[in-house]
Amino acid sequence: MPRSPGSVSAPTPAKTERRIWKRFPIYTEVWCQPKTKGDSDRLSALVLNISRGGLKLVSAHRLEAGTLFRVGRTSGSSHSTAALSARVVHVAPEEGGMWSMGCTFTPKLDEDRLQEWVAAAEKV
């Protein structure tokens, strides 16, 4: 329907940011191990970003929403970063048969632990 010359469309409301903690892009290769699987069932993934509250993973392996898992760095960096516990919150398909997974840490990371991961990613 054509607009009249004096009509003004309502502005689209801005999307509100719901995140509490700052996210850091880190692009780090990791392994993920669902807590119900044995030690040999580690899956590979890439962390795209991390915050005190969680991380975003991309992988060819899909973890279902609600899955509890451990995640650790795969690189042989001299910087020590122990495995973290997390839960998948949402899953979305990506191009090329990949999966994007938003995850929350259980428990949340303290600032020192977060900075260990960020610093280790910068050294690679």
PDB file of N, CA and C in Angstrom:
ATOM      1  N   MET A   1       0.844  -1.163   0.000  1.00  0.00           N
ATOM      2  CA  MET A   1       0.000   0.000   0.000  1.00  0.00           C
ATOM      3  C   MET A   1       0.895   1.233   0.000  1.00  0.00           C
ATOM      4  N   PRO A   2       0.658   2.184  -0.943  1.00  0.00           N
ATOM      5  CA  PRO A   2       1.491   3.375  -1.021  1.00  0.00           C
ATOM      6  C   PRO A   2       1.273   4.278   0.169  1.00  0.00           C
ATOM      7  N   ARG A   3       2.349   4.937   0.586  1.00  0.00           N
ATOM      8  CA  ARG A   3       2.255   5.877   1.699  1.00  0.00           C
ATOM      9  C   ARG A   3       1.849   7.245   1.183  1.00  0.00           C
ATOM     10  N   SER A   4       1.149   7.966   2.032  1.00  0.00           N
ATOM     11  CA  SER A   4       0.842   9.352   1.673  1.00  0.00           C
ATOM     12  C   SER A   4       2.076  10.181   1.968  1.00  0.00           C
ATOM     13  N   PRO A   5       2.261  11.304   1.305  1.00  0.00           N
ATOM     14  CA  PRO A   5       3.482  12.096   1.477  1.00  0.00           C
ATOM     15  C   PRO A   5       3.762  12.482   2.927  1.00  0.00           C
ATOM     16  N   GLY A   6       2.784  12.641   3.772  1.00  0.00           N
ATOM     17  CA  GLY A   6       3.013  13.077   5.143  1.00  0.00           C
ATOM     18  C   GLY A   6       3.111  11.945   6.142  1.00  0.00           C
ATOM     19  N   SER A   7       3.006  10.682   5.682  1.00  0.00           N
ATOM     20  CA  SER A   7       3.028   9.581   6.652  1.00  0.00           C
ATOM     21  C   SER A   7       4.452   9.241   7.071  1.00  0.00           C
ATOM     22  N   VAL A   8       4.598   8.843   8.313  1.00  0.00           N
ATOM     23  CA  VAL A   8       5.897   8.457   8.859  1.00  0.00           C
ATOM     24  C   VAL A   8       5.753   7.062   9.447  1.00  0.00           C
ATOM     25  N   SER A   9       6.676   6.186   9.099  1.00  0.00           N
ATOM     26  CA  SER A   9       6.590   4.835   9.655  1.00  0.00           C
ATOM     27  C   SER A   9       7.214   4.826  11.044  1.00  0.00           C
ATOM     28  N   ALA A  10       6.687   3.972  11.887  1.00  0.00           N
ATOM     29  CA  ALA A  10       7.190   3.864  13.263  1.00  0.00           C
ATOM     30  C   ALA A  10       8.580   3.255  13.227  1.00  0.00           C
ATOM     31  N   PRO A  11       9.498   3.779  14.035  1.00  0.00           N
ATOM     32  CA  PRO A  11      10.855   3.209  14.053  1.00  0.00           C
ATOM     33  C   PRO A  11      10.834   1.799  14.625  1.00  0.00           C
ATOM     34  N   THR A  12      11.733   0.984  14.102  1.00  0.00           N
ATOM     35  CA  THR A  12      11.867  -0.377  14.603  1.00  0.00           C
ATOM     36  C   THR A  12      12.590  -0.312  15.938  1.00  0.00           C
ATOM     37  N   PRO A  13      12.030  -0.955  16.982  1.00  0.00           N
ATOM     38  CA  PRO A  13      12.703  -0.895  18.286  1.00  0.00           C
ATOM     39  C   PRO A  13      14.072  -1.574  18.219  1.00  0.00           C
ATOM     40  N   ALA A  14      15.044  -0.980  18.893  1.00  0.00           N
ATOM     41  CA  ALA A  14      16.390  -1.544  18.931  1.00  0.00           C
ATOM     42  C   ALA A  14      16.383  -2.835  19.747  1.00  0.00           C
ATOM     43  N   LYS A  15      17.182  -3.794  19.296  1.00  0.00           N
ATOM     44  CA  LYS A  15      17.282  -5.058  20.017  1.00  0.00           C
ATOM     45  C   LYS A  15      18.040  -4.810  21.313  1.00  0.00           C
ATOM     46  N   THR A  16      17.467  -5.228  22.442  1.00  0.00           N
ATOM     47  CA  THR A  16      18.107  -5.014  23.737  1.00  0.00           C
ATOM     48  C   THR A  16      19.150  -6.088  24.000  1.00  0.00           C
ATOM     49  N   GLU A  17      20.273  -5.668  24.513  1.00  0.00           N
ATOM     50  CA  GLU A  17      21.347  -6.582  24.884  1.00  0.00           C
ATOM     51  C   GLU A  17      21.003  -7.214  26.222  1.00  0.00           C
ATOM     52  N   ARG A  18      20.936  -8.554  26.255  1.00  0.00           N
ATOM     53  CA  ARG A  18      20.579  -9.248  27.486  1.00  0.00           C
ATOM     54  C   ARG A  18      21.787  -9.833  28.205  1.00  0.00           C
ATOM     55  N   ARG A  19      22.928  -9.780  27.573  1.00  0.00           N
ATOM     56  CA  ARG A  19      24.106 -10.383  28.184  1.00  0.00           C
ATOM     57  C   ARG A  19      24.604  -9.542  29.349  1.00  0.00           C
ATOM     58  N   ILE A  20      25.058 -10.228  30.392  1.00  0.00           N
ATOM     59  CA  ILE A  20      25.545  -9.555  31.587  1.00  0.00           C
ATOM     60  C   ILE A  20      27.045  -9.292  31.476  1.00  0.00           C
ATOM     61  N   TRP A  21      27.797 -10.254  30.902  1.00  0.00           N
ATOM     62  CA  TRP A  21      29.246 -10.168  30.872  1.00  0.00           C
ATOM     63  C   TRP A  21      29.753  -9.894  29.470  1.00  0.00           C
ATOM     64  N   LYS A  22      30.904  -9.215  29.395  1.00  0.00           N
ATOM     65  CA  LYS A  22      31.550  -8.922  28.126  1.00  0.00           C
ATOM     66  C   LYS A  22      32.022 -10.220  27.486  1.00  0.00           C
ATOM     67  N   ARG A  23      31.792 -10.338  26.172  1.00  0.00           N
ATOM     68  CA  ARG A  23      32.258 -11.503  25.419  1.00  0.00           C
ATOM     69  C   ARG A  23      33.596 -11.184  24.761  1.00  0.00           C
ATOM     70  N   PHE A  24      34.474 -12.199  24.703  1.00  0.00           N
ATOM     71  CA  PHE A  24      35.776 -12.066  24.072  1.00  0.00           C
ATOM     72  C   PHE A  24      35.868 -13.056  22.919  1.00  0.00           C
ATOM     73  N   PRO A  25      36.179 -12.592  21.695  1.00  0.00           N
ATOM     74  CA  PRO A  25      36.377 -13.539  20.590  1.00  0.00           C
ATOM     75  C   PRO A  25      37.698 -14.270  20.812  1.00  0.00           C
ATOM     76  N   ILE A  26      37.695 -15.618  20.758  1.00  0.00           N
ATOM     77  CA  ILE A  26      38.954 -16.318  21.001  1.00  0.00           C
ATOM     78  C   ILE A  26      39.306 -17.347  19.928  1.00  0.00           C
ATOM     79  N   TYR A  27      38.387 -17.862  19.138  1.00  0.00           N
ATOM     80  CA  TYR A  27      38.672 -18.783  18.032  1.00  0.00           C
ATOM     81  C   TYR A  27      39.684 -19.857  18.429  1.00  0.00           C
ATOM     82  N   THR A  28      39.307 -20.668  19.391  1.00  0.00           N
ATOM     83  CA  THR A  28      40.191 -21.674  19.972  1.00  0.00           C
ATOM     84  C   THR A  28      39.640 -23.074  19.748  1.00  0.00           C
ATOM     85  N   GLU A  29      40.508 -23.990  19.297  1.00  0.00           N
ATOM     86  CA  GLU A  29      40.105 -25.385  19.138  1.00  0.00           C
ATOM     87  C   GLU A  29      40.003 -26.032  20.511  1.00  0.00           C
ATOM     88  N   VAL A  30      38.894 -26.763  20.715  1.00  0.00           N
ATOM     89  CA  VAL A  30      38.643 -27.410  21.999  1.00  0.00           C
ATOM     90  C   VAL A  30      38.121 -28.826  21.786  1.00  0.00           C
ATOM     91  N   TRP A  31      38.119 -29.590  22.853  1.00  0.00           N
ATOM     92  CA  TRP A  31      37.416 -30.875  22.887  1.00  0.00           C
ATOM     93  C   TRP A  31      36.231 -30.717  23.828  1.00  0.00           C
ATOM     94  N   CYS A  32      35.171 -31.424  23.516  1.00  0.00           N
ATOM     95  CA  CYS A  32      33.964 -31.442  24.355  1.00  0.00           C
ATOM     96  C   CYS A  32      33.677 -32.893  24.696  1.00  0.00           C
ATOM     97  N   GLN A  33      33.293 -33.119  25.926  1.00  0.00           N
ATOM     98  CA  GLN A  33      32.999 -34.477  26.369  1.00  0.00           C
ATOM     99  C   GLN A  33      31.707 -34.467  27.165  1.00  0.00           C
ATOM    100  N   PRO A  34      30.618 -34.964  26.557  1.00  0.00           N
ATOM    101  CA  PRO A  34      29.364 -35.058  27.323  1.00  0.00           C
ATOM    102  C   PRO A  34      29.595 -35.875  28.581  1.00  0.00           C
ATOM    103  N   LYS A  35      29.008 -35.444  29.682  1.00  0.00           N
ATOM    104  CA  LYS A  35      29.256 -36.098  30.976  1.00  0.00           C
ATOM    105  C   LYS A  35      28.709 -37.509  31.052  1.00  0.00           C
ATOM    106  N   THR A  36      27.881 -37.917  30.092  1.00  0.00           N
ATOM    107  CA  THR A  36      27.336 -39.271  30.095  1.00  0.00           C
ATOM    108  C   THR A  36      28.193 -40.226  29.282  1.00  0.00           C
ATOM    109  N   LYS A  37      29.231 -39.727  28.620  1.00  0.00           N
ATOM    110  CA  LYS A  37      30.067 -40.552  27.742  1.00  0.00           C
ATOM    111  C   LYS A  37      31.367 -40.924  28.431  1.00  0.00           C
ATOM    112  N   GLY A  38      32.068 -41.923  27.855  1.00  0.00           N
ATOM    113  CA  GLY A  38      33.372 -42.327  28.368  1.00  0.00           C
ATOM    114  C   GLY A  38      34.463 -41.372  27.902  1.00  0.00           C
ATOM    115  N   ASP A  39      35.654 -41.511  28.468  1.00  0.00           N
ATOM    116  CA  ASP A  39      36.779 -40.633  28.141  1.00  0.00           C
ATOM    117  C   ASP A  39      37.142 -40.651  26.664  1.00  0.00           C
ATOM    118  N   SER A  40      36.884 -41.747  25.964  1.00  0.00           N
ATOM    119  CA  SER A  40      37.259 -41.845  24.553  1.00  0.00           C
ATOM    120  C   SER A  40      36.287 -41.081  23.640  1.00  0.00           C
ATOM    121  N   ASP A  41      35.184 -40.623  24.164  1.00  0.00           N
ATOM    122  CA  ASP A  41      34.171 -39.959  23.345  1.00  0.00           C
ATOM    123  C   ASP A  41      34.295 -38.442  23.392  1.00  0.00           C
ATOM    124  N   ARG A  42      35.470 -37.928  23.078  1.00  0.00           N
ATOM    125  CA  ARG A  42      35.679 -36.480  23.017  1.00  0.00           C
ATOM    126  C   ARG A  42      35.373 -36.008  21.602  1.00  0.00           C
ATOM    127  N   LEU A  43      34.660 -34.906  21.507  1.00  0.00           N
ATOM    128  CA  LEU A  43      34.282 -34.322  20.229  1.00  0.00           C
ATOM    129  C   LEU A  43      35.070 -33.045  20.013  1.00  0.00           C
ATOM    130  N   SER A  44      35.408 -32.749  18.759  1.00  0.00           N
ATOM    131  CA  SER A  44      36.145 -31.519  18.478  1.00  0.00           C
ATOM    132  C   SER A  44      35.179 -30.379  18.185  1.00  0.00           C
ATOM    133  N   ALA A  45      35.602 -29.158  18.538  1.00  0.00           N
ATOM    134  CA  ALA A  45      34.785 -27.965  18.314  1.00  0.00           C
ATOM    135  C   ALA A  45      35.693 -26.746  18.281  1.00  0.00           C
ATOM    136  N   LEU A  46      35.116 -25.615  17.944  1.00  0.00           N
ATOM    137  CA  LEU A  46      35.816 -24.339  17.923  1.00  0.00           C
ATOM    138  C   LEU A  46      35.033 -23.360  18.786  1.00  0.00           C
ATOM    139  N   VAL A  47      35.711 -22.718  19.741  1.00  0.00           N
ATOM    140  CA  VAL A  47      35.063 -21.685  20.554  1.00  0.00           C
ATOM    141  C   VAL A  47      35.181 -20.381  19.775  1.00  0.00           C
ATOM    142  N   LEU A  48      34.047 -19.746  19.507  1.00  0.00           N
ATOM    143  CA  LEU A  48      34.060 -18.463  18.798  1.00  0.00           C
ATOM    144  C   LEU A  48      34.166 -17.292  19.760  1.00  0.00           C
ATOM    145  N   ASN A  49      33.519 -17.422  20.930  1.00  0.00           N
ATOM    146  CA  ASN A  49      33.645 -16.373  21.943  1.00  0.00           C
ATOM    147  C   ASN A  49      33.380 -16.962  23.317  1.00  0.00           C
ATOM    148  N   ILE A  50      33.838 -16.229  24.327  1.00  0.00           N
ATOM    149  CA  ILE A  50      33.726 -16.695  25.709  1.00  0.00           C
ATOM    150  C   ILE A  50      33.463 -15.496  26.614  1.00  0.00           C
ATOM    151  N   SER A  51      32.725 -15.738  27.680  1.00  0.00           N
ATOM    152  CA  SER A  51      32.469 -14.724  28.705  1.00  0.00           C
ATOM    153  C   SER A  51      32.444 -15.442  30.047  1.00  0.00           C
ATOM    154  N   ARG A  52      32.242 -14.701  31.117  1.00  0.00           N
ATOM    155  CA  ARG A  52      32.131 -15.349  32.428  1.00  0.00           C
ATOM    156  C   ARG A  52      30.915 -16.257  32.476  1.00  0.00           C
ATOM    157  N   GLY A  53      29.909 -15.960  31.672  1.00  0.00           N
ATOM    158  CA  GLY A  53      28.673 -16.726  31.705  1.00  0.00           C
ATOM    159  C   GLY A  53      28.626 -17.935  30.800  1.00  0.00           C
ATOM    160  N   GLY A  54      29.416 -17.939  29.712  1.00  0.00           N
ATOM    161  CA  GLY A  54      29.331 -19.064  28.800  1.00  0.00           C
ATOM    162  C   GLY A  54      30.201 -18.889  27.576  1.00  0.00           C
ATOM    163  N   LEU A  55      29.920 -19.708  26.557  1.00  0.00           N
ATOM    164  CA  LEU A  55      30.695 -19.658  25.331  1.00  0.00           C
ATOM    165  C   LEU A  55      29.838 -20.065  24.147  1.00  0.00           C
ATOM    166  N   LYS A  56      30.334 -19.741  22.964  1.00  0.00           N
ATOM    167  CA  LYS A  56      29.671 -20.161  21.730  1.00  0.00           C
ATOM    168  C   LYS A  56      30.603 -21.123  21.021  1.00  0.00           C
ATOM    169  N   LEU A  57      30.087 -22.316  20.737  1.00  0.00           N
ATOM    170  CA  LEU A  57      30.829 -23.367  20.056  1.00  0.00           C
ATOM    171  C   LEU A  57      30.293 -23.560  18.647  1.00  0.00           C
ATOM    172  N   VAL A  58      31.178 -23.964  17.736  1.00  0.00           N
ATOM    173  CA  VAL A  58      30.772 -24.435  16.412  1.00  0.00           C
ATOM    174  C   VAL A  58      31.435 -25.781  16.214  1.00  0.00           C
ATOM    175  N   SER A  59      30.656 -26.758  15.758  1.00  0.00           N
ATOM    176  CA  SER A  59      31.185 -28.106  15.595  1.00  0.00           C
ATOM    177  C   SER A  59      30.390 -28.879  14.547  1.00  0.00           C
ATOM    178  N   ALA A  60      31.022 -29.905  14.002  1.00  0.00           N
ATOM    179  CA  ALA A  60      30.305 -30.833  13.122  1.00  0.00           C
ATOM    180  C   ALA A  60      29.459 -31.787  13.962  1.00  0.00           C
ATOM    181  N   HIS A  61      29.734 -31.829  15.263  1.00  0.00           N
ATOM    182  CA  HIS A  61      29.011 -32.699  16.195  1.00  0.00           C
ATOM    183  C   HIS A  61      27.951 -31.877  16.913  1.00  0.00           C
ATOM    184  N   ARG A  62      26.734 -32.359  16.898  1.00  0.00           N
ATOM    185  CA  ARG A  62      25.640 -31.643  17.559  1.00  0.00           C
ATOM    186  C   ARG A  62      25.454 -32.181  18.978  1.00  0.00           C
ATOM    187  N   LEU A  63      25.427 -31.264  19.934  1.00  0.00           N
ATOM    188  CA  LEU A  63      25.049 -31.604  21.307  1.00  0.00           C
ATOM    189  C   LEU A  63      23.648 -31.039  21.513  1.00  0.00           C
ATOM    190  N   GLU A  64      22.769 -31.813  22.064  1.00  0.00           N
ATOM    191  CA  GLU A  64      21.394 -31.377  22.268  1.00  0.00           C
ATOM    192  C   GLU A  64      21.308 -30.351  23.392  1.00  0.00           C
ATOM    193  N   ALA A  65      20.332 -29.451  23.297  1.00  0.00           N
ATOM    194  CA  ALA A  65      20.076 -28.479  24.366  1.00  0.00           C
ATOM    195  C   ALA A  65      19.861 -29.241  25.675  1.00  0.00           C
ATOM    196  N   GLY A  66      20.486 -28.760  26.732  1.00  0.00           N
ATOM    197  CA  GLY A  66      20.392 -29.405  28.038  1.00  0.00           C
ATOM    198  C   GLY A  66      21.553 -30.338  28.344  1.00  0.00           C
ATOM    199  N   THR A  67      22.363 -30.684  27.323  1.00  0.00           N
ATOM    200  CA  THR A  67      23.489 -31.591  27.537  1.00  0.00           C
ATOM    201  C   THR A  67      24.544 -30.944  28.427  1.00  0.00           C
ATOM    202  N   LEU A  68      24.939 -31.648  29.476  1.00  0.00           N
ATOM    203  CA  LEU A  68      26.048 -31.217  30.336  1.00  0.00           C
ATOM    204  C   LEU A  68      27.333 -31.802  29.761  1.00  0.00           C
ATOM    205  N   PHE A  69      28.395 -30.995  29.716  1.00  0.00           N
ATOM    206  CA  PHE A  69      29.640 -31.480  29.144  1.00  0.00           C
ATOM    207  C   PHE A  69      30.831 -30.743  29.741  1.00  0.00           C
ATOM    208  N   ARG A  70      32.020 -31.327  29.518  1.00  0.00           N
ATOM    209  CA  ARG A  70      33.273 -30.681  29.878  1.00  0.00           C
ATOM    210  C   ARG A  70      33.896 -30.180  28.589  1.00  0.00           C
ATOM    211  N   VAL A  71      34.620 -29.073  28.675  1.00  0.00           N
ATOM    212  CA  VAL A  71      35.290 -28.513  27.508  1.00  0.00           C
ATOM    213  C   VAL A  71      36.708 -28.132  27.903  1.00  0.00           C
ATOM    214  N   GLY A  72      37.676 -28.481  27.042  1.00  0.00           N
ATOM    215  CA  GLY A  72      39.077 -28.165  27.314  1.00  0.00           C
ATOM    216  C   GLY A  72      39.798 -27.798  26.035  1.00  0.00           C
ATOM    217  N   ARG A  73      40.897 -27.088  26.174  1.00  0.00           N
ATOM    218  CA  ARG A  73      41.695 -26.666  25.016  1.00  0.00           C
ATOM    219  C   ARG A  73      42.446 -27.854  24.423  1.00  0.00           C
ATOM    220  N   THR A  74      42.554 -27.890  23.096  1.00  0.00           N
ATOM    221  CA  THR A  74      43.283 -28.979  22.436  1.00  0.00           C
ATOM    222  C   THR A  74      44.728 -28.641  22.166  1.00  0.00           C
ATOM    223  N   SER A  75      45.083 -27.360  22.145  1.00  0.00           N
ATOM    224  CA  SER A  75      46.457 -26.978  21.809  1.00  0.00           C
ATOM    225  C   SER A  75      47.393 -27.330  22.948  1.00  0.00           C
ATOM    226  N   GLY A  76      48.645 -27.575  22.593  1.00  0.00           N
ATOM    227  CA  GLY A  76      49.659 -27.913  23.589  1.00  0.00           C
ATOM    228  C   GLY A  76      50.299 -26.669  24.172  1.00  0.00           C
ATOM    229  N   SER A  77      49.520 -25.657  24.442  1.00  0.00           N
ATOM    230  CA  SER A  77      50.044 -24.407  24.990  1.00  0.00           C
ATOM    231  C   SER A  77      50.638 -24.640  26.367  1.00  0.00           C
ATOM    232  N   SER A  78      51.677 -23.876  26.688  1.00  0.00           N
ATOM    233  CA  SER A  78      52.279 -23.979  28.016  1.00  0.00           C
ATOM    234  C   SER A  78      51.394 -23.326  29.069  1.00  0.00           C
ATOM    235  N   HIS A  79      50.420 -22.564  28.617  1.00  0.00           N
ATOM    236  CA  HIS A  79      49.500 -21.890  29.529  1.00  0.00           C
ATOM    237  C   HIS A  79      48.468 -22.912  30.019  1.00  0.00           C
ATOM    238  N   SER A  80      48.316 -23.082  31.288  1.00  0.00           N
ATOM    239  CA  SER A  80      47.426 -24.100  31.840  1.00  0.00           C
ATOM    240  C   SER A  80      45.980 -23.621  31.866  1.00  0.00           C
ATOM    241  N   THR A  81      45.113 -24.351  31.190  1.00  0.00           N
ATOM    242  CA  THR A  81      43.680 -24.065  31.268  1.00  0.00           C
ATOM    243  C   THR A  81      42.961 -25.398  31.463  1.00  0.00           C
ATOM    244  N   ALA A  82      42.527 -25.644  32.665  1.00  0.00           N
ATOM    245  CA  ALA A  82      41.833 -26.887  32.987  1.00  0.00           C
ATOM    246  C   ALA A  82      40.458 -26.903  32.329  1.00  0.00           C
ATOM    247  N   ALA A  83      39.887 -28.087  32.206  1.00  0.00           N
ATOM    248  CA  ALA A  83      38.569 -28.242  31.596  1.00  0.00           C
ATOM    249  C   ALA A  83      37.512 -27.485  32.397  1.00  0.00           C
ATOM    250  N   LEU A  84      36.516 -27.004  31.685  1.00  0.00           N
ATOM    251  CA  LEU A  84      35.397 -26.275  32.284  1.00  0.00           C
ATOM    252  C   LEU A  84      34.126 -27.101  32.134  1.00  0.00           C
ATOM    253  N   SER A  85      33.156 -26.890  33.013  1.00  0.00           N
ATOM    254  CA  SER A  85      31.857 -27.553  32.908  1.00  0.00           C
ATOM    255  C   SER A  85      30.847 -26.585  32.316  1.00  0.00           C
ATOM    256  N   ALA A  86      30.025 -27.094  31.404  1.00  0.00           N
ATOM    257  CA  ALA A  86      29.037 -26.239  30.746  1.00  0.00           C
ATOM    258  C   ALA A  86      27.790 -27.046  30.391  1.00  0.00           C
ATOM    259  N   ARG A  87      26.741 -26.318  29.996  1.00  0.00           N
ATOM    260  CA  ARG A  87      25.479 -26.927  29.557  1.00  0.00           C
ATOM    261  C   ARG A  87      25.045 -26.223  28.282  1.00  0.00           C
ATOM    262  N   VAL A  88      24.608 -26.990  27.293  1.00  0.00           N
ATOM    263  CA  VAL A  88      24.121 -26.425  26.036  1.00  0.00           C
ATOM    264  C   VAL A  88      22.761 -25.777  26.281  1.00  0.00           C
ATOM    265  N   VAL A  89      22.624 -24.516  25.851  1.00  0.00           N
ATOM    266  CA  VAL A  89      21.375 -23.785  26.027  1.00  0.00           C
ATOM    267  C   VAL A  89      20.571 -23.772  24.736  1.00  0.00           C
ATOM    268  N   HIS A  90      21.233 -23.516  23.610  1.00  0.00           N
ATOM    269  CA  HIS A  90      20.519 -23.531  22.321  1.00  0.00           C
ATOM    270  C   HIS A  90      21.437 -24.022  21.218  1.00  0.00           C
ATOM    271  N   VAL A  91      20.823 -24.589  20.184  1.00  0.00           N
ATOM    272  CA  VAL A  91      21.538 -25.178  19.056  1.00  0.00           C
ATOM    273  C   VAL A  91      20.934 -24.638  17.770  1.00  0.00           C
ATOM    274  N   ALA A  92      21.789 -24.303  16.799  1.00  0.00           N
ATOM    275  CA  ALA A  92      21.299 -23.828  15.508  1.00  0.00           C
ATOM    276  C   ALA A  92      22.181 -24.395  14.401  1.00  0.00           C
ATOM    277  N   PRO A  93      21.578 -24.744  13.262  1.00  0.00           N
ATOM    278  CA  PRO A  93      22.383 -25.243  12.144  1.00  0.00           C
ATOM    279  C   PRO A  93      23.200 -24.117  11.522  1.00  0.00           C
ATOM    280  N   GLU A  94      24.388 -24.472  11.029  1.00  0.00           N
ATOM    281  CA  GLU A  94      25.272 -23.541  10.323  1.00  0.00           C
ATOM    282  C   GLU A  94      25.516 -24.110   8.930  1.00  0.00           C
ATOM    283  N   GLU A  95      26.149 -23.331   8.082  1.00  0.00           N
ATOM    284  CA  GLU A  95      26.477 -23.799   6.736  1.00  0.00           C
ATOM    285  C   GLU A  95      27.452 -24.963   6.790  1.00  0.00           C
ATOM    286  N   GLY A  96      27.388 -25.815   5.788  1.00  0.00           N
ATOM    287  CA  GLY A  96      28.343 -26.913   5.670  1.00  0.00           C
ATOM    288  C   GLY A  96      28.136 -28.038   6.651  1.00  0.00           C
ATOM    289  N   GLY A  97      26.940 -28.186   7.177  1.00  0.00           N
ATOM    290  CA  GLY A  97      26.663 -29.281   8.101  1.00  0.00           C
ATOM    291  C   GLY A  97      27.193 -29.070   9.505  1.00  0.00           C
ATOM    292  N   MET A  98      27.546 -27.851   9.823  1.00  0.00           N
ATOM    293  CA  MET A  98      28.056 -27.529  11.157  1.00  0.00           C
ATOM    294  C   MET A  98      26.913 -27.120  12.077  1.00  0.00           C
ATOM    295  N   TRP A  99      27.203 -27.089  13.381  1.00  0.00           N
ATOM    296  CA  TRP A  99      26.225 -26.697  14.394  1.00  0.00           C
ATOM    297  C   TRP A  99      26.806 -25.601  15.277  1.00  0.00           C
ATOM    298  N   SER A 100      26.006 -24.603  15.566  1.00  0.00           N
ATOM    299  CA  SER A 100      26.363 -23.534  16.492  1.00  0.00           C
ATOM    300  C   SER A 100      25.640 -23.816  17.802  1.00  0.00           C
ATOM    301  N   MET A 101      26.386 -23.749  18.918  1.00  0.00           N
ATOM    302  CA  MET A 101      25.788 -24.054  20.214  1.00  0.00           C
ATOM    303  C   MET A 101      26.138 -22.970  21.234  1.00  0.00           C
ATOM    304  N   GLY A 102      25.127 -22.379  21.803  1.00  0.00           N
ATOM    305  CA  GLY A 102      25.314 -21.422  22.887  1.00  0.00           C
ATOM    306  C   GLY A 102      25.281 -22.188  24.192  1.00  0.00           C
ATOM    307  N   CYS A 103      26.286 -21.983  25.024  1.00  0.00           N
ATOM    308  CA  CYS A 103      26.429 -22.777  26.245  1.00  0.00           C
ATOM    309  C   CYS A 103      26.637 -21.872  27.455  1.00  0.00           C
ATOM    310  N   THR A 104      26.171 -22.334  28.599  1.00  0.00           N
ATOM    311  CA  THR A 104      26.366 -21.608  29.855  1.00  0.00           C
ATOM    312  C   THR A 104      27.288 -22.416  30.755  1.00  0.00           C
ATOM    313  N   PHE A 105      28.178 -21.734  31.455  1.00  0.00           N
ATOM    314  CA  PHE A 105      29.078 -22.429  32.366  1.00  0.00           C
ATOM    315  C   PHE A 105      28.355 -22.815  33.645  1.00  0.00           C
ATOM    316  N   THR A 106      28.741 -23.971  34.202  1.00  0.00           N
ATOM    317  CA  THR A 106      28.183 -24.450  35.466  1.00  0.00           C
ATOM    318  C   THR A 106      29.338 -24.875  36.373  1.00  0.00           C
ATOM    319  N   PRO A 107      29.795 -24.048  37.277  1.00  0.00           N
ATOM    320  CA  PRO A 107      29.332 -22.701  37.637  1.00  0.00           C
ATOM    321  C   PRO A 107      29.948 -21.647  36.715  1.00  0.00           C
ATOM    322  N   LYS A 108      29.510 -20.399  36.887  1.00  0.00           N
ATOM    323  CA  LYS A 108      30.043 -19.288  36.107  1.00  0.00           C
ATOM    324  C   LYS A 108      31.538 -19.152  36.377  1.00  0.00           C
ATOM    325  N   LEU A 109      32.283 -18.627  35.403  1.00  0.00           N
ATOM    326  CA  LEU A 109      33.721 -18.434  35.570  1.00  0.00           C
ATOM    327  C   LEU A 109      34.009 -17.203  36.410  1.00  0.00           C
ATOM    328  N   ASP A 110      35.072 -17.285  37.197  1.00  0.00           N
ATOM    329  CA  ASP A 110      35.521 -16.062  37.857  1.00  0.00           C
ATOM    330  C   ASP A 110      36.397 -15.313  36.845  1.00  0.00           C
ATOM    331  N   GLU A 111      36.685 -14.060  37.124  1.00  0.00           N
ATOM    332  CA  GLU A 111      37.418 -13.215  36.171  1.00  0.00           C
ATOM    333  C   GLU A 111      38.809 -13.776  35.866  1.00  0.00           C
ATOM    334  N   ASP A 112      39.494 -14.332  36.860  1.00  0.00           N
ATOM    335  CA  ASP A 112      40.839 -14.880  36.631  1.00  0.00           C
ATOM    336  C   ASP A 112      40.803 -16.051  35.653  1.00  0.00           C
ATOM    337  N   ARG A 113      39.852 -16.934  35.819  1.00  0.00           N
ATOM    338  CA  ARG A 113      39.736 -18.111  34.936  1.00  0.00           C
ATOM    339  C   ARG A 113      39.396 -17.682  33.515  1.00  0.00           C
ATOM    340  N   LEU A 114      38.512 -16.709  33.374  1.00  0.00           N
ATOM    341  CA  LEU A 114      38.177 -16.186  32.053  1.00  0.00           C
ATOM    342  C   LEU A 114      39.435 -15.621  31.382  1.00  0.00           C
ATOM    343  N   GLN A 115      40.187 -14.822  32.105  1.00  0.00           N
ATOM    344  CA  GLN A 115      41.382 -14.206  31.542  1.00  0.00           C
ATOM    345  C   GLN A 115      42.442 -15.249  31.176  1.00  0.00           C
ATOM    346  N   GLU A 116      42.502 -16.387  31.896  1.00  0.00           N
ATOM    347  CA  GLU A 116      43.405 -17.482  31.519  1.00  0.00           C
ATOM    348  C   GLU A 116      43.083 -17.969  30.114  1.00  0.00           C
ATOM    349  N   TRP A 117      41.787 -18.170  29.837  1.00  0.00           N
ATOM    350  CA  TRP A 117      41.366 -18.661  28.523  1.00  0.00           C
ATOM    351  C   TRP A 117      41.632 -17.627  27.441  1.00  0.00           C
ATOM    352  N   VAL A 118      41.350 -16.375  27.731  1.00  0.00           N
ATOM    353  CA  VAL A 118      41.569 -15.317  26.741  1.00  0.00           C
ATOM    354  C   VAL A 118      43.062 -15.183  26.453  1.00  0.00           C
ATOM    355  N   ALA A 119      43.892 -15.164  27.492  1.00  0.00           N
ATOM    356  CA  ALA A 119      45.341 -15.038  27.330  1.00  0.00           C
ATOM    357  C   ALA A 119      45.913 -16.231  26.584  1.00  0.00           C
ATOM    358  N   ALA A 120      45.456 -17.443  26.897  1.00  0.00           N
ATOM    359  CA  ALA A 120      45.950 -18.647  26.220  1.00  0.00           C
ATOM    360  C   ALA A 120      45.615 -18.592  24.740  1.00  0.00           C
ATOM    361  N   ALA A 121      44.445 -18.092  24.371  1.00  0.00           N
ATOM    362  CA  ALA A 121      44.048 -17.993  22.965  1.00  0.00           C
ATOM    363  C   ALA A 121      44.917 -16.973  22.227  1.00  0.00           C
ATOM    364  N   GLU A 122      45.326 -15.926  22.904  1.00  0.00           N
ATOM    365  CA  GLU A 122      46.150 -14.893  22.276  1.00  0.00           C
ATOM    366  C   GLU A 122      47.571 -15.384  22.021  1.00  0.00           C
ATOM    367  N   LYS A 123      48.037 -16.377  22.777  1.00  0.00           N
ATOM    368  CA  LYS A 123      49.399 -16.883  22.630  1.00  0.00           C
ATOM    369  C   LYS A 123      49.525 -17.882  21.498  1.00  0.00           C
ATOM    370  N   VAL A 124      48.425 -18.391  20.988  1.00  0.00           N
ATOM    371  CA  VAL A 124      48.474 -19.415  19.942  1.00  0.00           C
ATOM    372  C   VAL A 124      48.732 -18.785  18.599  1.00  0.00           C
TER     373      VAL A 124
END
